[in-house]
Amino acid sequence: MVSQKNYEVEKLIQEDQADSEEDIEGTSRALSESLLEQSKQESLVLSKKDWTKILSGAKTNYYKTNEVVIHEGDPLRCIFQVAQGYCRIVTKRDSKQPKILETLYSGNIFGEISFVEGGNASATVISSSDDTAILVIEGYYLNILFQYHPRLAPRFYHYLCTVLAKRLAERTPVEDA
């Protein structure tokens, strides 16, 4: 009789432990998935070290007010970053009169559309200050950089996608339903 009770108690303890282990596993699994998702998001952010690597291959060009940095239609395979001063993005695509699409300030990039598409500049960029400094990051440099640092490429392209998505959202008018 005692052995029967011991068996039942052991069985209850084992079942309770199994339930606890399942709860722990479920909680652990959910936590792991959450941390993995957070890690994935964080792993797609360019760090200062990443930017140092990217910008170490850039050259700097200087412009005065109203000097053209790039012309709409120019074949490009590079990305530009405003290091100092500011520029305006202008297009004549849909009209005879130039239309200012955006003003770019220090830290902003441009040329990413033609870089990603492998095509021509979609707009003209004009310096709007006498002290404009533009960093030019050539596509061939990025290709070599990504060969040596393959984990950098997805973060860089994620950054470009984020920039493009923000630009698209800002330029696309929302219609009333």
N, C-alpha and C. Protein backbone atom coordinates (compact mmCIF):
# COMPACT_ATOMS: atom_id res chain seq x y z
N MET A 1 0.82 -1.19 0.00
CA MET A 1 0.00 0.00 0.00
C MET A 1 0.87 1.26 0.00
N VAL A 2 1.92 1.23 0.79
CA VAL A 2 2.83 2.38 0.86
C VAL A 2 3.50 2.58 -0.49
N SER A 3 3.88 1.48 -1.12
CA SER A 3 4.52 1.60 -2.42
C SER A 3 3.57 2.18 -3.45
N GLN A 4 2.27 1.86 -3.35
CA GLN A 4 1.26 2.41 -4.25
C GLN A 4 1.16 3.92 -4.07
N LYS A 5 1.15 4.39 -2.79
CA LYS A 5 1.07 5.83 -2.50
C LYS A 5 2.34 6.53 -2.98
N ASN A 6 3.49 5.90 -2.75
CA ASN A 6 4.75 6.49 -3.23
C ASN A 6 4.73 6.64 -4.74
N TYR A 7 4.21 5.61 -5.40
CA TYR A 7 4.11 5.64 -6.87
C TYR A 7 3.20 6.80 -7.33
N GLU A 8 2.06 6.97 -6.65
CA GLU A 8 1.12 8.04 -7.02
C GLU A 8 1.73 9.42 -6.75
N VAL A 9 2.42 9.56 -5.63
CA VAL A 9 3.08 10.84 -5.30
C VAL A 9 4.16 11.14 -6.33
N GLU A 10 4.96 10.13 -6.66
CA GLU A 10 6.02 10.32 -7.66
C GLU A 10 5.41 10.70 -9.01
N LYS A 11 4.30 10.07 -9.35
CA LYS A 11 3.63 10.37 -10.61
C LYS A 11 3.12 11.80 -10.63
N LEU A 12 2.51 12.24 -9.50
CA LEU A 12 2.03 13.63 -9.40
C LEU A 12 3.20 14.61 -9.50
N ILE A 13 4.30 14.31 -8.85
CA ILE A 13 5.48 15.19 -8.89
C ILE A 13 6.03 15.26 -10.31
N GLN A 14 6.08 14.11 -10.97
CA GLN A 14 6.58 14.08 -12.34
C GLN A 14 5.68 14.87 -13.28
N GLU A 15 4.35 14.71 -13.10
CA GLU A 15 3.40 15.47 -13.93
C GLU A 15 3.54 16.97 -13.67
N ASP A 16 3.70 17.32 -12.38
CA ASP A 16 3.85 18.74 -12.03
C ASP A 16 5.13 19.30 -12.61
N GLN A 17 6.21 18.51 -12.54
CA GLN A 17 7.48 18.95 -13.13
C GLN A 17 7.35 19.09 -14.64
N ALA A 18 6.65 18.16 -15.27
CA ALA A 18 6.46 18.23 -16.73
C ALA A 18 5.68 19.48 -17.10
N ASP A 19 4.61 19.79 -16.32
CA ASP A 19 3.83 21.00 -16.57
C ASP A 19 4.70 22.24 -16.40
N SER A 20 5.51 22.24 -15.32
CA SER A 20 6.40 23.39 -15.06
C SER A 20 7.41 23.54 -16.19
N GLU A 21 7.96 22.41 -16.63
CA GLU A 21 8.94 22.45 -17.72
C GLU A 21 8.30 22.97 -19.01
N GLU A 22 7.04 22.54 -19.27
CA GLU A 22 6.34 23.05 -20.46
C GLU A 22 6.11 24.54 -20.35
N ASP A 23 5.70 25.02 -19.14
CA ASP A 23 5.50 26.45 -18.93
C ASP A 23 6.81 27.21 -19.14
N ILE A 24 7.88 26.66 -18.55
CA ILE A 24 9.19 27.29 -18.67
C ILE A 24 9.63 27.29 -20.13
N GLU A 25 9.44 26.15 -20.81
CA GLU A 25 9.82 26.07 -22.22
C GLU A 25 9.03 27.06 -23.05
N GLY A 26 7.72 27.17 -22.79
CA GLY A 26 6.88 28.12 -23.53
C GLY A 26 7.31 29.55 -23.29
N THR A 27 7.54 29.88 -22.02
CA THR A 27 8.00 31.22 -21.68
C THR A 27 9.38 31.47 -22.27
N SER A 28 10.24 30.48 -22.13
CA SER A 28 11.59 30.59 -22.68
C SER A 28 11.57 30.77 -24.19
N ARG A 29 10.71 30.00 -24.85
CA ARG A 29 10.59 30.08 -26.31
C ARG A 29 10.10 31.48 -26.72
N ALA A 30 9.08 31.99 -26.02
CA ALA A 30 8.54 33.31 -26.35
C ALA A 30 9.60 34.39 -26.12
N LEU A 31 10.33 34.27 -25.01
CA LEU A 31 11.39 35.23 -24.71
C LEU A 31 12.49 35.15 -25.76
N SER A 32 12.87 33.94 -26.13
CA SER A 32 13.92 33.75 -27.15
C SER A 32 13.49 34.37 -28.47
N GLU A 33 12.23 34.13 -28.86
CA GLU A 33 11.74 34.71 -30.12
C GLU A 33 11.74 36.23 -30.06
N SER A 34 11.33 36.77 -28.92
CA SER A 34 11.33 38.23 -28.75
C SER A 34 12.75 38.79 -28.84
N LEU A 35 13.68 38.15 -28.14
CA LEU A 35 15.08 38.60 -28.18
C LEU A 35 15.68 38.44 -29.56
N LEU A 36 15.32 37.37 -30.26
CA LEU A 36 15.81 37.15 -31.61
C LEU A 36 15.31 38.25 -32.54
N GLU A 37 14.03 38.59 -32.42
CA GLU A 37 13.46 39.65 -33.26
C GLU A 37 14.14 40.99 -32.95
N GLN A 38 14.33 41.27 -31.66
CA GLN A 38 15.01 42.50 -31.26
C GLN A 38 16.43 42.51 -31.79
N SER A 39 17.10 41.38 -31.69
CA SER A 39 18.47 41.26 -32.18
C SER A 39 18.52 41.49 -33.69
N LYS A 40 17.55 40.91 -34.42
CA LYS A 40 17.51 41.11 -35.87
C LYS A 40 17.37 42.59 -36.19
N GLN A 41 16.46 43.28 -35.46
CA GLN A 41 16.26 44.70 -35.72
C GLN A 41 17.51 45.49 -35.40
N GLU A 42 18.15 45.19 -34.26
CA GLU A 42 19.36 45.90 -33.88
C GLU A 42 20.50 45.58 -34.83
N SER A 43 20.53 44.36 -35.36
CA SER A 43 21.62 43.99 -36.26
C SER A 43 21.51 44.68 -37.61
N LEU A 44 20.37 45.31 -37.88
CA LEU A 44 20.20 46.02 -39.14
C LEU A 44 20.46 47.51 -39.02
N VAL A 45 20.94 47.94 -37.86
CA VAL A 45 21.25 49.35 -37.64
C VAL A 45 22.74 49.58 -37.88
N LEU A 46 23.05 50.60 -38.67
CA LEU A 46 24.46 50.94 -38.92
C LEU A 46 25.05 51.61 -37.68
N SER A 47 26.16 51.08 -37.23
CA SER A 47 26.84 51.63 -36.06
C SER A 47 27.81 52.74 -36.50
N LYS A 48 28.39 53.42 -35.53
CA LYS A 48 29.42 54.42 -35.84
C LYS A 48 30.61 53.77 -36.53
N LYS A 49 30.94 52.56 -36.08
CA LYS A 49 32.04 51.81 -36.68
C LYS A 49 31.74 51.49 -38.14
N ASP A 50 30.48 51.11 -38.43
CA ASP A 50 30.06 50.85 -39.81
C ASP A 50 30.22 52.11 -40.66
N TRP A 51 29.73 53.24 -40.13
CA TRP A 51 29.82 54.50 -40.88
C TRP A 51 31.28 54.90 -41.12
N THR A 52 32.13 54.63 -40.15
CA THR A 52 33.56 54.93 -40.32
C THR A 52 34.12 54.13 -41.49
N LYS A 53 33.77 52.85 -41.57
CA LYS A 53 34.23 52.00 -42.67
C LYS A 53 33.69 52.53 -44.01
N ILE A 54 32.42 52.85 -44.03
CA ILE A 54 31.79 53.31 -45.28
C ILE A 54 32.39 54.63 -45.74
N LEU A 55 32.50 55.58 -44.82
CA LEU A 55 32.96 56.93 -45.19
C LEU A 55 34.48 57.02 -45.36
N SER A 56 35.21 56.01 -44.93
CA SER A 56 36.67 56.06 -45.12
C SER A 56 37.04 55.99 -46.59
N GLY A 57 36.17 55.48 -47.43
CA GLY A 57 36.42 55.41 -48.86
C GLY A 57 35.80 56.55 -49.65
N ALA A 58 35.21 57.52 -48.95
CA ALA A 58 34.54 58.63 -49.63
C ALA A 58 35.53 59.74 -49.98
N LYS A 59 35.21 60.45 -51.05
CA LYS A 59 35.98 61.66 -51.38
C LYS A 59 35.06 62.85 -51.15
N THR A 60 35.64 64.00 -50.88
CA THR A 60 34.87 65.20 -50.58
C THR A 60 34.98 66.20 -51.73
N ASN A 61 33.81 66.66 -52.19
CA ASN A 61 33.74 67.71 -53.22
C ASN A 61 33.09 68.95 -52.59
N TYR A 62 33.56 70.12 -53.02
CA TYR A 62 33.05 71.38 -52.47
C TYR A 62 32.30 72.17 -53.54
N TYR A 63 31.22 72.84 -53.12
CA TYR A 63 30.37 73.58 -54.06
C TYR A 63 29.98 74.93 -53.47
N LYS A 64 29.77 75.88 -54.38
CA LYS A 64 29.27 77.21 -54.02
C LYS A 64 27.77 77.24 -54.30
N THR A 65 27.10 78.29 -53.87
CA THR A 65 25.66 78.45 -54.08
C THR A 65 25.32 78.33 -55.56
N ASN A 66 24.29 77.58 -55.87
CA ASN A 66 23.74 77.34 -57.22
C ASN A 66 24.62 76.49 -58.13
N GLU A 67 25.68 75.91 -57.62
CA GLU A 67 26.46 74.96 -58.42
C GLU A 67 25.72 73.62 -58.43
N VAL A 68 25.71 73.00 -59.60
CA VAL A 68 25.04 71.71 -59.74
C VAL A 68 25.97 70.60 -59.25
N VAL A 69 25.43 69.77 -58.36
CA VAL A 69 26.18 68.63 -57.84
C VAL A 69 26.00 67.45 -58.80
N ILE A 70 24.76 67.15 -59.15
CA ILE A 70 24.46 66.14 -60.17
C ILE A 70 23.29 66.64 -61.02
N HIS A 71 23.27 66.23 -62.28
CA HIS A 71 22.20 66.59 -63.21
C HIS A 71 21.21 65.43 -63.32
N GLU A 72 19.94 65.77 -63.42
CA GLU A 72 18.93 64.76 -63.69
C GLU A 72 19.30 64.03 -64.98
N GLY A 73 19.29 62.71 -64.95
CA GLY A 73 19.62 61.91 -66.11
C GLY A 73 21.07 61.45 -66.17
N ASP A 74 21.95 62.03 -65.33
CA ASP A 74 23.35 61.59 -65.30
C ASP A 74 23.44 60.12 -64.87
N PRO A 75 24.26 59.32 -65.55
CA PRO A 75 24.46 57.94 -65.08
C PRO A 75 25.28 57.98 -63.78
N LEU A 76 24.78 57.29 -62.77
CA LEU A 76 25.45 57.30 -61.46
C LEU A 76 25.56 55.90 -60.92
N ARG A 77 26.62 55.68 -60.18
CA ARG A 77 26.77 54.44 -59.42
C ARG A 77 27.48 54.80 -58.12
N CYS A 78 26.91 55.82 -57.45
CA CYS A 78 27.47 56.25 -56.17
C CYS A 78 26.38 56.87 -55.30
N ILE A 79 26.72 57.05 -54.06
CA ILE A 79 25.82 57.68 -53.10
C ILE A 79 26.53 58.92 -52.57
N PHE A 80 25.74 59.95 -52.34
CA PHE A 80 26.27 61.21 -51.86
C PHE A 80 25.73 61.49 -50.47
N GLN A 81 26.55 62.15 -49.65
CA GLN A 81 26.09 62.58 -48.33
C GLN A 81 26.50 64.03 -48.14
N VAL A 82 25.54 64.84 -47.71
CA VAL A 82 25.83 66.25 -47.42
C VAL A 82 26.61 66.27 -46.10
N ALA A 83 27.85 66.75 -46.15
CA ALA A 83 28.69 66.82 -44.96
C ALA A 83 28.61 68.20 -44.31
N GLN A 84 28.37 69.22 -45.15
CA GLN A 84 28.31 70.60 -44.66
C GLN A 84 27.47 71.40 -45.64
N GLY A 85 26.73 72.37 -45.12
CA GLY A 85 25.88 73.19 -45.97
C GLY A 85 24.56 72.51 -46.26
N TYR A 86 23.93 72.92 -47.35
CA TYR A 86 22.68 72.27 -47.74
C TYR A 86 22.46 72.39 -49.24
N CYS A 87 21.58 71.52 -49.75
CA CYS A 87 21.29 71.42 -51.18
C CYS A 87 19.79 71.30 -51.38
N ARG A 88 19.38 71.52 -52.62
CA ARG A 88 17.98 71.28 -52.96
C ARG A 88 17.91 70.26 -54.09
N ILE A 89 16.89 69.41 -54.02
CA ILE A 89 16.63 68.42 -55.06
C ILE A 89 15.56 69.01 -55.96
N VAL A 90 15.89 69.10 -57.26
CA VAL A 90 15.00 69.75 -58.22
C VAL A 90 14.74 68.80 -59.40
N THR A 91 13.52 68.82 -59.92
CA THR A 91 13.21 68.02 -61.11
C THR A 91 12.34 68.81 -62.07
N LYS A 92 12.48 68.49 -63.36
CA LYS A 92 11.63 69.05 -64.41
C LYS A 92 10.79 67.94 -65.04
N ARG A 93 10.87 66.77 -64.48
CA ARG A 93 10.27 65.59 -65.09
C ARG A 93 8.83 65.78 -65.53
N ASP A 94 7.99 66.31 -64.68
CA ASP A 94 6.56 66.40 -64.99
C ASP A 94 6.10 67.78 -65.46
N SER A 95 7.02 68.73 -65.57
CA SER A 95 6.61 70.07 -65.99
C SER A 95 7.79 70.80 -66.64
N LYS A 96 7.48 71.95 -67.21
CA LYS A 96 8.54 72.76 -67.83
C LYS A 96 9.31 73.54 -66.77
N GLN A 97 8.63 73.89 -65.69
CA GLN A 97 9.27 74.64 -64.61
C GLN A 97 9.90 73.67 -63.61
N PRO A 98 11.12 73.97 -63.15
CA PRO A 98 11.73 73.12 -62.13
C PRO A 98 10.90 73.11 -60.85
N LYS A 99 10.82 71.95 -60.24
CA LYS A 99 10.06 71.80 -59.01
C LYS A 99 11.02 71.32 -57.92
N ILE A 100 11.04 72.03 -56.79
CA ILE A 100 11.90 71.63 -55.67
C ILE A 100 11.18 70.51 -54.92
N LEU A 101 11.84 69.36 -54.86
CA LEU A 101 11.26 68.20 -54.18
C LEU A 101 11.60 68.17 -52.69
N GLU A 102 12.82 68.61 -52.38
CA GLU A 102 13.28 68.49 -51.01
C GLU A 102 14.54 69.33 -50.81
N THR A 103 14.77 69.74 -49.58
CA THR A 103 16.02 70.38 -49.20
C THR A 103 16.79 69.40 -48.33
N LEU A 104 18.07 69.23 -48.64
CA LEU A 104 18.92 68.29 -47.91
C LEU A 104 19.91 69.05 -47.04
N TYR A 105 20.08 68.57 -45.82
CA TYR A 105 20.97 69.20 -44.87
C TYR A 105 22.08 68.23 -44.48
N SER A 106 23.01 68.71 -43.69
CA SER A 106 24.14 67.90 -43.26
C SER A 106 23.66 66.56 -42.69
N GLY A 107 24.26 65.48 -43.21
CA GLY A 107 23.89 64.13 -42.78
C GLY A 107 22.95 63.43 -43.74
N ASN A 108 22.20 64.21 -44.56
CA ASN A 108 21.28 63.60 -45.52
C ASN A 108 22.04 62.99 -46.68
N ILE A 109 21.48 61.91 -47.24
CA ILE A 109 22.09 61.29 -48.41
C ILE A 109 21.19 61.50 -49.62
N PHE A 110 21.78 61.35 -50.80
CA PHE A 110 21.03 61.37 -52.05
C PHE A 110 21.77 60.52 -53.08
N GLY A 111 21.09 60.20 -54.17
CA GLY A 111 21.68 59.34 -55.18
C GLY A 111 21.36 57.87 -54.93
N GLU A 112 20.64 57.60 -53.84
CA GLU A 112 20.36 56.21 -53.48
C GLU A 112 19.41 55.52 -54.45
N ILE A 113 18.53 56.27 -55.09
CA ILE A 113 17.59 55.66 -56.04
C ILE A 113 18.34 55.11 -57.24
N SER A 114 19.18 55.93 -57.85
CA SER A 114 19.94 55.47 -59.01
C SER A 114 20.98 54.41 -58.60
N PHE A 115 21.48 54.50 -57.37
CA PHE A 115 22.43 53.49 -56.89
C PHE A 115 21.75 52.13 -56.81
N VAL A 116 20.57 52.09 -56.21
CA VAL A 116 19.85 50.83 -56.04
C VAL A 116 19.35 50.29 -57.38
N GLU A 117 18.82 51.19 -58.21
CA GLU A 117 18.27 50.77 -59.51
C GLU A 117 19.36 50.53 -60.54
N GLY A 118 20.54 51.10 -60.33
CA GLY A 118 21.60 50.99 -61.31
C GLY A 118 21.33 51.83 -62.54
N GLY A 119 20.68 52.97 -62.33
CA GLY A 119 20.30 53.80 -63.46
C GLY A 119 20.84 55.21 -63.37
N ASN A 120 20.07 56.12 -63.94
CA ASN A 120 20.46 57.53 -64.00
C ASN A 120 19.84 58.33 -62.85
N ALA A 121 20.42 59.49 -62.60
CA ALA A 121 19.92 60.37 -61.55
C ALA A 121 18.47 60.74 -61.85
N SER A 122 17.61 60.62 -60.84
CA SER A 122 16.19 60.90 -61.02
C SER A 122 15.87 62.37 -60.82
N ALA A 123 16.85 63.17 -60.38
CA ALA A 123 16.64 64.60 -60.15
C ALA A 123 17.99 65.31 -60.19
N THR A 124 17.92 66.63 -60.26
CA THR A 124 19.12 67.47 -60.19
C THR A 124 19.31 67.90 -58.74
N VAL A 125 20.54 67.92 -58.29
CA VAL A 125 20.85 68.39 -56.94
C VAL A 125 21.73 69.62 -57.08
N ILE A 126 21.30 70.70 -56.42
CA ILE A 126 21.98 72.00 -56.53
C ILE A 126 22.38 72.47 -55.14
N SER A 127 23.62 72.94 -55.03
CA SER A 127 24.08 73.50 -53.76
C SER A 127 23.30 74.77 -53.45
N SER A 128 22.94 74.93 -52.19
CA SER A 128 22.20 76.12 -51.76
C SER A 128 22.98 76.97 -50.78
N SER A 129 24.26 76.65 -50.60
CA SER A 129 25.10 77.45 -49.72
C SER A 129 26.52 77.50 -50.26
N ASP A 130 27.26 78.53 -49.88
CA ASP A 130 28.62 78.70 -50.39
C ASP A 130 29.62 77.71 -49.79
N ASP A 131 29.25 77.09 -48.72
CA ASP A 131 30.20 76.20 -48.03
C ASP A 131 29.74 74.74 -48.07
N THR A 132 29.12 74.32 -49.15
CA THR A 132 28.60 72.96 -49.23
C THR A 132 29.72 71.96 -49.49
N ALA A 133 29.78 70.93 -48.64
CA ALA A 133 30.73 69.83 -48.81
C ALA A 133 29.92 68.56 -48.98
N ILE A 134 30.21 67.83 -50.05
CA ILE A 134 29.50 66.59 -50.36
C ILE A 134 30.48 65.42 -50.35
N LEU A 135 30.16 64.38 -49.59
CA LEU A 135 30.93 63.15 -49.60
C LEU A 135 30.39 62.26 -50.71
N VAL A 136 31.28 61.70 -51.52
CA VAL A 136 30.90 60.82 -52.62
C VAL A 136 31.40 59.41 -52.30
N ILE A 137 30.47 58.47 -52.21
CA ILE A 137 30.81 57.08 -51.91
C ILE A 137 30.56 56.28 -53.19
N GLU A 138 31.61 55.86 -53.83
CA GLU A 138 31.52 55.14 -55.11
C GLU A 138 31.00 53.72 -54.91
N GLY A 139 30.22 53.26 -55.86
CA GLY A 139 29.67 51.91 -55.82
C GLY A 139 30.72 50.83 -55.81
N TYR A 140 31.80 51.01 -56.59
CA TYR A 140 32.84 49.99 -56.63
C TYR A 140 33.51 49.86 -55.27
N TYR A 141 33.67 50.98 -54.55
CA TYR A 141 34.25 50.93 -53.21
C TYR A 141 33.35 50.12 -52.27
N LEU A 142 32.03 50.37 -52.33
CA LEU A 142 31.10 49.63 -51.49
C LEU A 142 31.13 48.14 -51.81
N ASN A 143 31.22 47.80 -53.09
CA ASN A 143 31.30 46.38 -53.47
C ASN A 143 32.52 45.70 -52.84
N ILE A 144 33.66 46.36 -52.90
CA ILE A 144 34.88 45.81 -52.30
C ILE A 144 34.73 45.74 -50.78
N LEU A 145 34.21 46.81 -50.18
CA LEU A 145 34.01 46.85 -48.73
C LEU A 145 33.13 45.69 -48.27
N PHE A 146 32.04 45.43 -49.00
CA PHE A 146 31.11 44.37 -48.62
C PHE A 146 31.71 42.98 -48.83
N GLN A 147 32.68 42.85 -49.72
CA GLN A 147 33.37 41.57 -49.87
C GLN A 147 34.21 41.27 -48.62
N TYR A 148 34.83 42.30 -48.08
CA TYR A 148 35.65 42.13 -46.88
C TYR A 148 34.83 42.13 -45.60
N HIS A 149 33.66 42.76 -45.64
CA HIS A 149 32.78 42.85 -44.47
C HIS A 149 31.35 42.48 -44.90
N PRO A 150 31.10 41.20 -45.17
CA PRO A 150 29.81 40.79 -45.71
C PRO A 150 28.61 41.07 -44.80
N ARG A 151 28.82 41.17 -43.51
CA ARG A 151 27.71 41.46 -42.60
C ARG A 151 27.30 42.93 -42.64
N LEU A 152 28.14 43.75 -43.21
CA LEU A 152 27.84 45.18 -43.33
C LEU A 152 26.81 45.44 -44.43
N ALA A 153 26.84 44.66 -45.48
CA ALA A 153 25.95 44.88 -46.64
C ALA A 153 24.47 44.91 -46.27
N PRO A 154 23.95 43.92 -45.52
CA PRO A 154 22.52 43.98 -45.21
C PRO A 154 22.14 45.18 -44.37
N ARG A 155 23.02 45.61 -43.47
CA ARG A 155 22.73 46.80 -42.66
C ARG A 155 22.70 48.05 -43.54
N PHE A 156 23.65 48.12 -44.47
CA PHE A 156 23.71 49.27 -45.36
C PHE A 156 22.47 49.35 -46.25
N TYR A 157 22.09 48.23 -46.85
CA TYR A 157 20.93 48.23 -47.73
C TYR A 157 19.63 48.42 -46.94
N HIS A 158 19.59 47.96 -45.71
CA HIS A 158 18.44 48.24 -44.86
C HIS A 158 18.33 49.74 -44.61
N TYR A 159 19.46 50.38 -44.35
CA TYR A 159 19.48 51.83 -44.16
C TYR A 159 18.96 52.54 -45.41
N LEU A 160 19.44 52.11 -46.60
CA LEU A 160 18.96 52.73 -47.84
C LEU A 160 17.46 52.54 -48.01
N CYS A 161 16.96 51.37 -47.71
CA CYS A 161 15.52 51.11 -47.82
C CYS A 161 14.73 52.01 -46.88
N THR A 162 15.25 52.22 -45.69
CA THR A 162 14.59 53.09 -44.72
C THR A 162 14.54 54.53 -45.24
N VAL A 163 15.66 54.99 -45.80
CA VAL A 163 15.70 56.35 -46.37
C VAL A 163 14.69 56.47 -47.52
N LEU A 164 14.68 55.49 -48.41
CA LEU A 164 13.75 55.50 -49.55
C LEU A 164 12.31 55.47 -49.09
N ALA A 165 12.00 54.66 -48.10
CA ALA A 165 10.63 54.57 -47.59
C ALA A 165 10.18 55.90 -46.99
N LYS A 166 11.05 56.55 -46.25
CA LYS A 166 10.71 57.85 -45.66
C LYS A 166 10.48 58.89 -46.74
N ARG A 167 11.36 58.91 -47.74
CA ARG A 167 11.20 59.87 -48.84
C ARG A 167 9.89 59.64 -49.58
N LEU A 168 9.59 58.39 -49.86
CA LEU A 168 8.37 58.05 -50.57
C LEU A 168 7.15 58.48 -49.76
N ALA A 169 7.16 58.23 -48.48
CA ALA A 169 6.04 58.60 -47.61
C ALA A 169 5.86 60.11 -47.56
N GLU A 170 6.98 60.85 -47.54
CA GLU A 170 6.90 62.31 -47.49
C GLU A 170 6.43 62.93 -48.80
N ARG A 171 6.75 62.30 -49.91
CA ARG A 171 6.43 62.86 -51.22
C ARG A 171 5.08 62.39 -51.77
N THR A 172 4.55 61.32 -51.24
CA THR A 172 3.31 60.76 -51.77
C THR A 172 2.13 61.40 -51.05
N PRO A 173 1.28 62.14 -51.77
CA PRO A 173 0.12 62.73 -51.12
C PRO A 173 -0.91 61.65 -50.75
N VAL A 174 -1.51 61.82 -49.58
CA VAL A 174 -2.53 60.89 -49.14
C VAL A 174 -3.87 61.43 -49.57
N GLU A 175 -4.64 60.62 -50.29
CA GLU A 175 -5.95 61.04 -50.78
C GLU A 175 -7.02 60.70 -49.77
N ASP A 176 -8.06 61.53 -49.73
CA ASP A 176 -9.20 61.25 -48.85
C ASP A 176 -9.96 60.06 -49.39
N ALA A 177 -10.43 59.24 -48.49
CA ALA A 177 -11.18 58.05 -48.90
C ALA A 177 -12.63 58.36 -49.17
